[in-house]
Every structure is written in structure tokens, then in C-alpha cells.
Amino acid sequence: MEEIKEGIYEVLELMGICTVGGDEDEDLREYIIDSLQFINFILEVEHHFEIEVPVNILVYDNIASLNGFAGLIEELVDEKCLVSCK
């Protein structure tokens, strides 16, 4: 999961969002403060990890926990690998 968290931090950095980093479980809502920024963040995450985030998990509260959000992204990356590896 560390690679996923690093990727999320890279996306934030590319968006010009400075984070404290290093915290075990940050609340990403401290950095992504409005709906437009949230949509841009999700689009960048999709591009970075080459995944599609399903509409049913596009909820602002899903980024309340870096670890929780990284877990969701990790599941999507794993699912993509399972589908493309067949």
C-alpha cells in the first residue's frame, strides 16, 4: 500500500497541493477543499494509476483517510491487474 500512498502524494504534488506528509493517516480533505478540486483529484488519480474510479465510491468522505482511500485505489488497481492478466 505504500506505493499507492506515494502515488497519491505525487498526484497532490502535481496539482500544486502541498501536504505535510509522513503522517500515518492524513485527512485528505484538509488539502482538497472544494468539489472542483475533488473532481480534478479523482481524474488525476485515475490517470496516474490507469484505473477508473466507479461512481458509487466518488464520495468526498472517502478521502477522509489517506489509508482508507489508498485501500480503495489498491483494490481497483488489483482488479485491473486481474482483468488484464487473463
PDB file of N, CA and C in Angstrom:
ATOM      1  N   MET A   1       0.811  -1.190   0.000  1.00  0.00           N
ATOM      2  CA  MET A   1       0.000   0.000   0.000  1.00  0.00           C
ATOM      3  C   MET A   1       0.860   1.262   0.000  1.00  0.00           C
ATOM      4  N   GLU A   2       2.104   1.151   0.415  1.00  0.00           N
ATOM      5  CA  GLU A   2       2.989   2.317   0.441  1.00  0.00           C
ATOM      6  C   GLU A   2       3.153   2.937  -0.945  1.00  0.00           C
ATOM      7  N   GLU A   3       3.246   2.097  -1.981  1.00  0.00           N
ATOM      8  CA  GLU A   3       3.378   2.615  -3.344  1.00  0.00           C
ATOM      9  C   GLU A   3       2.146   3.411  -3.743  1.00  0.00           C
ATOM     10  N   ILE A   4       0.989   2.943  -3.337  1.00  0.00           N
ATOM     11  CA  ILE A   4      -0.258   3.641  -3.646  1.00  0.00           C
ATOM     12  C   ILE A   4      -0.276   4.996  -2.946  1.00  0.00           C
ATOM     13  N   LYS A   5       0.107   5.018  -1.664  1.00  0.00           N
ATOM     14  CA  LYS A   5       0.134   6.280  -0.927  1.00  0.00           C
ATOM     15  C   LYS A   5       1.136   7.253  -1.550  1.00  0.00           C
ATOM     16  N   GLU A   6       2.273   6.750  -1.971  1.00  0.00           N
ATOM     17  CA  GLU A   6       3.264   7.605  -2.635  1.00  0.00           C
ATOM     18  C   GLU A   6       2.686   8.180  -3.924  1.00  0.00           C
ATOM     19  N   GLY A   7       1.951   7.351  -4.662  1.00  0.00           N
ATOM     20  CA  GLY A   7       1.309   7.815  -5.895  1.00  0.00           C
ATOM     21  C   GLY A   7       0.279   8.894  -5.626  1.00  0.00           C
ATOM     22  N   ILE A   8      -0.476   8.752  -4.550  1.00  0.00           N
ATOM     23  CA  ILE A   8      -1.465   9.769  -4.183  1.00  0.00           C
ATOM     24  C   ILE A   8      -0.768  11.083  -3.845  1.00  0.00           C
ATOM     25  N   TYR A   9       0.337  11.002  -3.109  1.00  0.00           N
ATOM     26  CA  TYR A   9       1.105  12.210  -2.805  1.00  0.00           C
ATOM     27  C   TYR A   9       1.669  12.843  -4.082  1.00  0.00           C
ATOM     28  N   GLU A  10       2.092  12.029  -5.038  1.00  0.00           N
ATOM     29  CA  GLU A  10       2.581  12.552  -6.323  1.00  0.00           C
ATOM     30  C   GLU A  10       1.478  13.301  -7.045  1.00  0.00           C
ATOM     31  N   VAL A  11       0.268  12.753  -7.035  1.00  0.00           N
ATOM     32  CA  VAL A  11      -0.868  13.414  -7.675  1.00  0.00           C
ATOM     33  C   VAL A  11      -1.124  14.763  -7.004  1.00  0.00           C
ATOM     34  N   LEU A  12      -1.135  14.790  -5.692  1.00  0.00           N
ATOM     35  CA  LEU A  12      -1.351  16.048  -4.975  1.00  0.00           C
ATOM     36  C   LEU A  12      -0.268  17.062  -5.329  1.00  0.00           C
ATOM     37  N   GLU A  13       0.962  16.601  -5.402  1.00  0.00           N
ATOM     38  CA  GLU A  13       2.069  17.498  -5.748  1.00  0.00           C
ATOM     39  C   GLU A  13       1.906  18.044  -7.162  1.00  0.00           C
ATOM     40  N   LEU A  14       1.508  17.191  -8.101  1.00  0.00           N
ATOM     41  CA  LEU A  14       1.284  17.639  -9.474  1.00  0.00           C
ATOM     42  C   LEU A  14       0.167  18.677  -9.560  1.00  0.00           C
ATOM     43  N   MET A  15      -0.787  18.585  -8.655  1.00  0.00           N
ATOM     44  CA  MET A  15      -1.888  19.538  -8.606  1.00  0.00           C
ATOM     45  C   MET A  15      -1.495  20.827  -7.890  1.00  0.00           C
ATOM     46  N   GLY A  16      -0.265  20.888  -7.391  1.00  0.00           N
ATOM     47  CA  GLY A  16       0.200  22.073  -6.683  1.00  0.00           C
ATOM     48  C   GLY A  16      -0.265  22.139  -5.250  1.00  0.00           C
ATOM     49  N   ILE A  17      -0.648  20.989  -4.692  1.00  0.00           N
ATOM     50  CA  ILE A  17      -1.123  20.933  -3.313  1.00  0.00           C
ATOM     51  C   ILE A  17       0.020  20.445  -2.431  1.00  0.00           C
ATOM     52  N   CYS A  18       0.420  21.290  -1.495  1.00  0.00           N
ATOM     53  CA  CYS A  18       1.492  20.930  -0.574  1.00  0.00           C
ATOM     54  C   CYS A  18       0.885  20.223   0.637  1.00  0.00           C
ATOM     55  N   THR A  19       1.433  19.075   0.968  1.00  0.00           N
ATOM     56  CA  THR A  19       0.947  18.318   2.116  1.00  0.00           C
ATOM     57  C   THR A  19       2.033  18.237   3.169  1.00  0.00           C
ATOM     58  N   VAL A  20       1.628  17.901   4.357  1.00  0.00           N
ATOM     59  CA  VAL A  20       2.587  17.710   5.436  1.00  0.00           C
ATOM     60  C   VAL A  20       3.349  16.419   5.193  1.00  0.00           C
ATOM     61  N   GLY A  21       2.624  15.367   4.792  1.00  0.00           N
ATOM     62  CA  GLY A  21       3.245  14.078   4.523  1.00  0.00           C
ATOM     63  C   GLY A  21       3.828  13.453   5.777  1.00  0.00           C
ATOM     64  N   GLY A  22       4.140  12.192   5.672  1.00  0.00           N
ATOM     65  CA  GLY A  22       4.760  11.498   6.780  1.00  0.00           C
ATOM     66  C   GLY A  22       3.803  11.058   7.869  1.00  0.00           C
ATOM     67  N   ASP A  23       2.628  11.656   7.913  1.00  0.00           N
ATOM     68  CA  ASP A  23       1.638  11.260   8.914  1.00  0.00           C
ATOM     69  C   ASP A  23       1.083   9.900   8.532  1.00  0.00           C
ATOM     70  N   GLU A  24       0.878   9.049   9.508  1.00  0.00           N
ATOM     71  CA  GLU A  24       0.386   7.695   9.233  1.00  0.00           C
ATOM     72  C   GLU A  24      -0.926   7.718   8.475  1.00  0.00           C
ATOM     73  N   ASP A  25      -1.860   8.575   8.880  1.00  0.00           N
ATOM     74  CA  ASP A  25      -3.162   8.580   8.239  1.00  0.00           C
ATOM     75  C   ASP A  25      -3.711   9.997   8.190  1.00  0.00           C
ATOM     76  N   GLU A  26      -3.407  10.692   7.117  1.00  0.00           N
ATOM     77  CA  GLU A  26      -3.854  12.066   6.967  1.00  0.00           C
ATOM     78  C   GLU A  26      -5.293  12.117   6.474  1.00  0.00           C
ATOM     79  N   ASP A  27      -5.949  13.224   6.771  1.00  0.00           N
ATOM     80  CA  ASP A  27      -7.272  13.508   6.231  1.00  0.00           C
ATOM     81  C   ASP A  27      -7.050  14.345   4.973  1.00  0.00           C
ATOM     82  N   LEU A  28      -7.272  13.738   3.806  1.00  0.00           N
ATOM     83  CA  LEU A  28      -7.011  14.434   2.542  1.00  0.00           C
ATOM     84  C   LEU A  28      -7.964  15.596   2.318  1.00  0.00           C
ATOM     85  N   ARG A  29      -9.063  15.642   3.076  1.00  0.00           N
ATOM     86  CA  ARG A  29      -9.995  16.763   2.943  1.00  0.00           C
ATOM     87  C   ARG A  29      -9.378  18.072   3.420  1.00  0.00           C
ATOM     88  N   GLU A  30      -8.274  17.992   4.153  1.00  0.00           N
ATOM     89  CA  GLU A  30      -7.576  19.210   4.563  1.00  0.00           C
ATOM     90  C   GLU A  30      -6.924  19.897   3.363  1.00  0.00           C
ATOM     91  N   TYR A  31      -6.650  19.140   2.313  1.00  0.00           N
ATOM     92  CA  TYR A  31      -5.964  19.668   1.138  1.00  0.00           C
ATOM     93  C   TYR A  31      -6.900  19.857  -0.048  1.00  0.00           C
ATOM     94  N   ILE A  32      -7.922  19.040  -0.136  1.00  0.00           N
ATOM     95  CA  ILE A  32      -8.873  19.099  -1.247  1.00  0.00           C
ATOM     96  C   ILE A  32     -10.138  19.715  -0.677  1.00  0.00           C
ATOM     97  N   ILE A  33     -10.290  21.027  -0.914  1.00  0.00           N
ATOM     98  CA  ILE A  33     -11.278  21.772  -0.143  1.00  0.00           C
ATOM     99  C   ILE A  33     -12.591  22.060  -0.858  1.00  0.00           C
ATOM    100  N   ASP A  34     -12.671  21.808  -2.160  1.00  0.00           N
ATOM    101  CA  ASP A  34     -13.951  22.057  -2.821  1.00  0.00           C
ATOM    102  C   ASP A  34     -14.236  20.977  -3.854  1.00  0.00           C
ATOM    103  N   SER A  35     -15.442  20.999  -4.396  1.00  0.00           N
ATOM    104  CA  SER A  35     -15.873  19.929  -5.295  1.00  0.00           C
ATOM    105  C   SER A  35     -15.085  19.901  -6.598  1.00  0.00           C
ATOM    106  N   LEU A  36     -14.721  21.050  -7.123  1.00  0.00           N
ATOM    107  CA  LEU A  36     -13.936  21.090  -8.362  1.00  0.00           C
ATOM    108  C   LEU A  36     -12.559  20.467  -8.137  1.00  0.00           C
ATOM    109  N   GLN A  37     -11.947  20.800  -7.046  1.00  0.00           N
ATOM    110  CA  GLN A  37     -10.644  20.233  -6.720  1.00  0.00           C
ATOM    111  C   GLN A  37     -10.756  18.721  -6.488  1.00  0.00           C
ATOM    112  N   PHE A  38     -11.860  18.288  -5.882  1.00  0.00           N
ATOM    113  CA  PHE A  38     -12.093  16.862  -5.650  1.00  0.00           C
ATOM    114  C   PHE A  38     -12.193  16.115  -6.981  1.00  0.00           C
ATOM    115  N   ILE A  39     -12.968  16.650  -7.917  1.00  0.00           N
ATOM    116  CA  ILE A  39     -13.114  16.012  -9.239  1.00  0.00           C
ATOM    117  C   ILE A  39     -11.769  15.974  -9.958  1.00  0.00           C
ATOM    118  N   ASN A  40     -11.032  17.068  -9.928  1.00  0.00           N
ATOM    119  CA  ASN A  40      -9.704  17.088 -10.559  1.00  0.00           C
ATOM    120  C   ASN A  40      -8.778  16.062  -9.917  1.00  0.00           C
ATOM    121  N   PHE A  41      -8.846  15.943  -8.604  1.00  0.00           N
ATOM    122  CA  PHE A  41      -8.023  14.969  -7.879  1.00  0.00           C
ATOM    123  C   PHE A  41      -8.361  13.552  -8.337  1.00  0.00           C
ATOM    124  N   ILE A  42      -9.640  13.229  -8.401  1.00  0.00           N
ATOM    125  CA  ILE A  42     -10.060  11.890  -8.827  1.00  0.00           C
ATOM    126  C   ILE A  42      -9.602  11.621 -10.258  1.00  0.00           C
ATOM    127  N   LEU A  43      -9.759  12.599 -11.144  1.00  0.00           N
ATOM    128  CA  LEU A  43      -9.314  12.423 -12.534  1.00  0.00           C
ATOM    129  C   LEU A  43      -7.812  12.178 -12.605  1.00  0.00           C
ATOM    130  N   GLU A  44      -7.054  12.906 -11.805  1.00  0.00           N
ATOM    131  CA  GLU A  44      -5.598  12.721 -11.789  1.00  0.00           C
ATOM    132  C   GLU A  44      -5.218  11.358 -11.219  1.00  0.00           C
ATOM    133  N   VAL A  45      -5.940  10.916 -10.188  1.00  0.00           N
ATOM    134  CA  VAL A  45      -5.684   9.594  -9.615  1.00  0.00           C
ATOM    135  C   VAL A  45      -5.974   8.521 -10.663  1.00  0.00           C
ATOM    136  N   GLU A  46      -7.091   8.671 -11.382  1.00  0.00           N
ATOM    137  CA  GLU A  46      -7.424   7.708 -12.434  1.00  0.00           C
ATOM    138  C   GLU A  46      -6.320   7.655 -13.490  1.00  0.00           C
ATOM    139  N   HIS A  47      -5.852   8.813 -13.889  1.00  0.00           N
ATOM    140  CA  HIS A  47      -4.789   8.877 -14.900  1.00  0.00           C
ATOM    141  C   HIS A  47      -3.484   8.270 -14.370  1.00  0.00           C
ATOM    142  N   HIS A  48      -3.126   8.626 -13.154  1.00  0.00           N
ATOM    143  CA  HIS A  48      -1.861   8.167 -12.571  1.00  0.00           C
ATOM    144  C   HIS A  48      -1.825   6.646 -12.431  1.00  0.00           C
ATOM    145  N   PHE A  49      -2.917   6.068 -11.949  1.00  0.00           N
ATOM    146  CA  PHE A  49      -2.946   4.629 -11.696  1.00  0.00           C
ATOM    147  C   PHE A  49      -3.559   3.829 -12.847  1.00  0.00           C
ATOM    148  N   GLU A  50      -3.978   4.550 -13.903  1.00  0.00           N
ATOM    149  CA  GLU A  50      -4.590   3.925 -15.080  1.00  0.00           C
ATOM    150  C   GLU A  50      -5.778   3.046 -14.689  1.00  0.00           C
ATOM    151  N   ILE A  51      -6.684   3.661 -13.913  1.00  0.00           N
ATOM    152  CA  ILE A  51      -7.884   2.965 -13.452  1.00  0.00           C
ATOM    153  C   ILE A  51      -9.086   3.855 -13.701  1.00  0.00           C
ATOM    154  N   GLU A  52     -10.264   3.314 -13.476  1.00  0.00           N
ATOM    155  CA  GLU A  52     -11.491   4.104 -13.492  1.00  0.00           C
ATOM    156  C   GLU A  52     -12.150   3.940 -12.132  1.00  0.00           C
ATOM    157  N   VAL A  53     -12.367   5.055 -11.465  1.00  0.00           N
ATOM    158  CA  VAL A  53     -12.994   5.021 -10.147  1.00  0.00           C
ATOM    159  C   VAL A  53     -14.507   4.953 -10.353  1.00  0.00           C
ATOM    160  N   PRO A  54     -15.155   3.907  -9.839  1.00  0.00           N
ATOM    161  CA  PRO A  54     -16.603   3.777 -10.010  1.00  0.00           C
ATOM    162  C   PRO A  54     -17.360   4.922  -9.337  1.00  0.00           C
ATOM    163  N   VAL A  55     -18.451   5.300  -9.946  1.00  0.00           N
ATOM    164  CA  VAL A  55     -19.261   6.405  -9.447  1.00  0.00           C
ATOM    165  C   VAL A  55     -19.712   6.171  -8.004  1.00  0.00           C
ATOM    166  N   ASN A  56     -19.999   4.927  -7.653  1.00  0.00           N
ATOM    167  CA  ASN A  56     -20.520   4.656  -6.315  1.00  0.00           C
ATOM    168  C   ASN A  56     -19.516   4.926  -5.194  1.00  0.00           C
ATOM    169  N   ILE A  57     -18.238   5.074  -5.504  1.00  0.00           N
ATOM    170  CA  ILE A  57     -17.280   5.424  -4.442  1.00  0.00           C
ATOM    171  C   ILE A  57     -16.753   6.848  -4.580  1.00  0.00           C
ATOM    172  N   LEU A  58     -17.355   7.616  -5.493  1.00  0.00           N
ATOM    173  CA  LEU A  58     -16.972   9.021  -5.638  1.00  0.00           C
ATOM    174  C   LEU A  58     -17.681   9.860  -4.582  1.00  0.00           C
ATOM    175  N   VAL A  59     -17.269   9.662  -3.365  1.00  0.00           N
ATOM    176  CA  VAL A  59     -17.857  10.358  -2.223  1.00  0.00           C
ATOM    177  C   VAL A  59     -16.734  11.106  -1.515  1.00  0.00           C
ATOM    178  N   TYR A  60     -16.979  12.378  -1.251  1.00  0.00           N
ATOM    179  CA  TYR A  60     -15.959  13.223  -0.621  1.00  0.00           C
ATOM    180  C   TYR A  60     -15.426  12.609   0.672  1.00  0.00           C
ATOM    181  N   ASP A  61     -16.290  11.983   1.444  1.00  0.00           N
ATOM    182  CA  ASP A  61     -15.855  11.395   2.712  1.00  0.00           C
ATOM    183  C   ASP A  61     -14.905  10.213   2.528  1.00  0.00           C
ATOM    184  N   ASN A  62     -14.806   9.650   1.320  1.00  0.00           N
ATOM    185  CA  ASN A  62     -13.857   8.553   1.072  1.00  0.00           C
ATOM    186  C   ASN A  62     -12.407   9.016   1.119  1.00  0.00           C
ATOM    187  N   ILE A  63     -12.188  10.330   1.090  1.00  0.00           N
ATOM    188  CA  ILE A  63     -10.810  10.823   1.191  1.00  0.00           C
ATOM    189  C   ILE A  63     -10.519  11.340   2.592  1.00  0.00           C
ATOM    190  N   ALA A  64     -11.414  11.023   3.543  1.00  0.00           N
ATOM    191  CA  ALA A  64     -11.194  11.440   4.933  1.00  0.00           C
ATOM    192  C   ALA A  64      -9.983  10.741   5.533  1.00  0.00           C
ATOM    193  N   SER A  65      -9.620   9.612   4.990  1.00  0.00           N
ATOM    194  CA  SER A  65      -8.484   8.839   5.498  1.00  0.00           C
ATOM    195  C   SER A  65      -7.581   8.470   4.326  1.00  0.00           C
ATOM    196  N   LEU A  66      -6.331   8.898   4.393  1.00  0.00           N
ATOM    197  CA  LEU A  66      -5.367   8.519   3.361  1.00  0.00           C
ATOM    198  C   LEU A  66      -5.292   7.010   3.240  1.00  0.00           C
ATOM    199  N   ASN A  67      -5.205   6.326   4.380  1.00  0.00           N
ATOM    200  CA  ASN A  67      -5.109   4.864   4.343  1.00  0.00           C
ATOM    201  C   ASN A  67      -6.352   4.232   3.739  1.00  0.00           C
ATOM    202  N   GLY A  68      -7.521   4.737   4.100  1.00  0.00           N
ATOM    203  CA  GLY A  68      -8.767   4.203   3.560  1.00  0.00           C
ATOM    204  C   GLY A  68      -8.869   4.421   2.061  1.00  0.00           C
ATOM    205  N   PHE A  69      -8.523   5.631   1.608  1.00  0.00           N
ATOM    206  CA  PHE A  69      -8.573   5.932   0.178  1.00  0.00           C
ATOM    207  C   PHE A  69      -7.535   5.110  -0.577  1.00  0.00           C
ATOM    208  N   ALA A  70      -6.348   4.983  -0.011  1.00  0.00           N
ATOM    209  CA  ALA A  70      -5.302   4.169  -0.648  1.00  0.00           C
ATOM    210  C   ALA A  70      -5.762   2.722  -0.771  1.00  0.00           C
ATOM    211  N   GLY A  71      -6.478   2.231   0.234  1.00  0.00           N
ATOM    212  CA  GLY A  71      -7.020   0.874   0.177  1.00  0.00           C
ATOM    213  C   GLY A  71      -8.006   0.708  -0.963  1.00  0.00           C
ATOM    214  N   LEU A  72      -8.879   1.717  -1.157  1.00  0.00           N
ATOM    215  CA  LEU A  72      -9.832   1.672  -2.277  1.00  0.00           C
ATOM    216  C   LEU A  72      -9.099   1.647  -3.618  1.00  0.00           C
ATOM    217  N   ILE A  73      -8.093   2.496  -3.750  1.00  0.00           N
ATOM    218  CA  ILE A  73      -7.334   2.562  -5.000  1.00  0.00           C
ATOM    219  C   ILE A  73      -6.571   1.262  -5.226  1.00  0.00           C
ATOM    220  N   GLU A  74      -6.012   0.707  -4.167  1.00  0.00           N
ATOM    221  CA  GLU A  74      -5.284  -0.559  -4.279  1.00  0.00           C
ATOM    222  C   GLU A  74      -6.210  -1.666  -4.787  1.00  0.00           C
ATOM    223  N   GLU A  75      -7.439  -1.716  -4.285  1.00  0.00           N
ATOM    224  CA  GLU A  75      -8.407  -2.706  -4.753  1.00  0.00           C
ATOM    225  C   GLU A  75      -8.697  -2.534  -6.239  1.00  0.00           C
ATOM    226  N   LEU A  76      -8.848  -1.279  -6.684  1.00  0.00           N
ATOM    227  CA  LEU A  76      -9.117  -1.020  -8.103  1.00  0.00           C
ATOM    228  C   LEU A  76      -7.925  -1.407  -8.974  1.00  0.00           C
ATOM    229  N   VAL A  77      -6.725  -1.118  -8.498  1.00  0.00           N
ATOM    230  CA  VAL A  77      -5.512  -1.496  -9.246  1.00  0.00           C
ATOM    231  C   VAL A  77      -5.409  -3.010  -9.338  1.00  0.00           C
ATOM    232  N   ASP A  78      -5.677  -3.697  -8.224  1.00  0.00           N
ATOM    233  CA  ASP A  78      -5.630  -5.165  -8.214  1.00  0.00           C
ATOM    234  C   ASP A  78      -6.676  -5.765  -9.164  1.00  0.00           C
ATOM    235  N   GLU A  79      -7.893  -5.197  -9.152  1.00  0.00           N
ATOM    236  CA  GLU A  79      -8.951  -5.678 -10.051  1.00  0.00           C
ATOM    237  C   GLU A  79      -8.536  -5.484 -11.513  1.00  0.00           C
ATOM    238  N   LYS A  80      -7.927  -4.342 -11.801  1.00  0.00           N
ATOM    239  CA  LYS A  80      -7.477  -4.077 -13.172  1.00  0.00           C
ATOM    240  C   LYS A  80      -6.442  -5.109 -13.592  1.00  0.00           C
ATOM    241  N   CYS A  81      -5.538  -5.431 -12.693  1.00  0.00           N
ATOM    242  CA  CYS A  81      -4.499  -6.400 -12.994  1.00  0.00           C
ATOM    243  C   CYS A  81      -5.123  -7.775 -13.241  1.00  0.00           C
ATOM    244  N   LEU A  82      -6.085  -8.165 -12.419  1.00  0.00           N
ATOM    245  CA  LEU A  82      -6.734  -9.457 -12.595  1.00  0.00           C
ATOM    246  C   LEU A  82      -7.435  -9.557 -13.945  1.00  0.00           C
ATOM    247  N   VAL A  83      -8.093  -8.468 -14.349  1.00  0.00           N
ATOM    248  CA  VAL A  83      -8.805  -8.476 -15.630  1.00  0.00           C
ATOM    249  C   VAL A  83      -7.838  -8.467 -16.795  1.00  0.00           C
ATOM    250  N   SER A  84      -6.790  -7.627 -16.718  1.00  0.00           N
ATOM    251  CA  SER A  84      -5.869  -7.508 -17.843  1.00  0.00           C
ATOM    252  C   SER A  84      -4.872  -8.651 -17.918  1.00  0.00           C
ATOM    253  N   CYS A  85      -4.703  -9.384 -16.834  1.00  0.00           N
ATOM    254  CA  CYS A  85      -3.739 -10.501 -16.833  1.00  0.00           C
ATOM    255  C   CYS A  85      -4.340 -11.775 -17.387  1.00  0.00           C
ATOM    256  N   LYS A  86      -5.656 -11.794 -17.600  1.00  0.00           N
ATOM    257  CA  LYS A  86      -6.310 -13.005 -18.114  1.00  0.00           C
ATOM    258  C   LYS A  86      -6.155 -13.131 -19.591  1.00  0.00           C
TER     259      LYS A  86
END
